[in-house]
Amino acid sequence: MKYGRTSIVHLFEWRWADIAAECERYLAPNGYGGVQISPPSESIVVTNPWHPWWQRYQPISYNLCSRSGNENELRDMITRCNNVG
């Protein structure tokens, strides 16, 4: 985090590519210092009720593949967000 940036934002349930773009176009230019994301691990899939928020907290493996994207997209998001602060 760059010096002086103390605000964070929760972008739960966002796709990794969308978070990366948001870091570049809005968050960094407006002084945000961090992003909290949904757990990146593969998790159970619940369909009734339709994709409840808590299913993301029920991991079934260490694979970094979820509704938010795959491992490469996660790495790209982390790199892009870190590059802009």
Protein backbone atom coordinates (compact mmCIF):
# COMPACT_ATOMS: atom_id res chain seq x y z
CA MET A 1 0.00 0.00 0.00
CA LYS A 2 1.32 3.44 -0.85
CA TYR A 3 1.98 5.88 1.96
CA GLY A 4 -1.06 7.84 3.10
CA ARG A 5 -3.64 5.46 1.65
CA THR A 6 -5.75 4.14 4.47
CA SER A 7 -9.12 3.34 2.88
CA ILE A 8 -10.10 -0.07 1.61
CA VAL A 9 -13.06 -1.23 -0.40
CA HIS A 10 -14.96 -4.53 -0.39
CA LEU A 11 -15.45 -5.89 -3.90
CA PHE A 12 -16.95 -9.23 -2.94
CA GLU A 13 -18.47 -11.23 -5.76
CA TRP A 14 -16.72 -9.15 -8.43
CA ARG A 15 -14.84 -10.86 -11.25
CA TRP A 16 -11.03 -10.57 -11.05
CA ALA A 17 -10.80 -8.74 -14.39
CA ASP A 18 -13.39 -6.20 -13.23
CA ILE A 19 -11.49 -5.57 -9.99
CA ALA A 20 -8.26 -5.01 -11.93
CA ALA A 21 -9.97 -2.46 -14.16
CA GLU A 22 -11.56 -0.74 -11.14
CA CYS A 23 -8.15 -0.46 -9.44
CA GLU A 24 -6.74 1.26 -12.51
CA ARG A 25 -9.60 3.56 -13.43
CA TYR A 26 -11.10 4.58 -10.08
CA LEU A 27 -9.61 3.18 -6.87
CA ALA A 28 -5.94 4.16 -7.26
CA PRO A 29 -6.63 7.61 -8.71
CA ASN A 30 -8.99 8.32 -5.80
CA GLY A 31 -6.59 7.26 -3.06
CA TYR A 32 -7.84 3.82 -2.08
CA GLY A 33 -5.14 1.64 -0.58
CA GLY A 34 -6.60 -1.83 -0.63
CA VAL A 35 -9.26 -4.17 -1.93
CA GLN A 36 -10.91 -7.02 -0.06
CA ILE A 37 -12.03 -9.81 -2.36
CA SER A 38 -14.16 -12.92 -2.08
CA PRO A 39 -12.29 -16.10 -1.16
CA PRO A 40 -10.55 -17.25 -4.35
CA SER A 41 -10.69 -21.01 -3.66
CA GLU A 42 -13.00 -23.39 -5.45
CA SER A 43 -16.11 -23.78 -3.31
CA ILE A 44 -19.37 -25.67 -3.18
CA VAL A 45 -22.09 -24.66 -5.59
CA VAL A 46 -25.49 -24.08 -4.06
CA THR A 47 -28.41 -23.47 -6.39
CA ASN A 48 -31.31 -23.16 -3.96
CA PRO A 49 -31.37 -20.36 -3.01
CA TRP A 50 -29.55 -19.15 -6.08
CA HIS A 51 -25.84 -18.71 -5.29
CA PRO A 52 -26.04 -17.45 -1.69
CA TRP A 53 -23.09 -15.31 -0.54
CA TRP A 54 -21.96 -17.85 2.06
CA GLN A 55 -21.18 -20.59 -0.47
CA ARG A 56 -17.87 -18.82 -1.19
CA TYR A 57 -16.84 -19.68 2.38
CA GLN A 58 -17.31 -23.43 1.86
CA PRO A 59 -14.07 -24.44 0.06
CA ILE A 60 -13.78 -27.85 -1.53
CA SER A 61 -10.19 -27.58 -2.81
CA TYR A 62 -7.15 -25.35 -3.00
CA ASN A 63 -7.76 -24.64 -6.69
CA LEU A 64 -7.90 -20.91 -7.32
CA CYS A 65 -10.90 -21.13 -9.61
CA SER A 66 -14.23 -19.61 -8.66
CA ARG A 67 -17.11 -17.56 -10.02
CA SER A 68 -14.71 -14.61 -9.97
CA GLY A 69 -12.31 -16.22 -12.44
CA ASN A 70 -9.35 -18.55 -12.72
CA GLU A 71 -5.86 -18.51 -11.20
CA ASN A 72 -4.28 -16.56 -14.07
CA GLU A 73 -6.97 -13.88 -13.85
CA LEU A 74 -6.43 -13.65 -10.08
CA ARG A 75 -2.67 -13.21 -10.59
CA ASP A 76 -3.28 -10.56 -13.24
CA MET A 77 -5.66 -8.67 -10.95
CA ILE A 78 -3.17 -8.72 -8.08
CA THR A 79 -0.37 -7.48 -10.35
CA ARG A 80 -2.44 -4.73 -11.91
CA CYS A 81 -3.80 -3.47 -8.59
CA ASN A 82 -0.33 -3.52 -6.99
CA ASN A 83 1.13 -1.66 -9.97
CA VAL A 84 -1.19 1.30 -9.43
CA GLY A 85 -0.93 1.28 -5.66
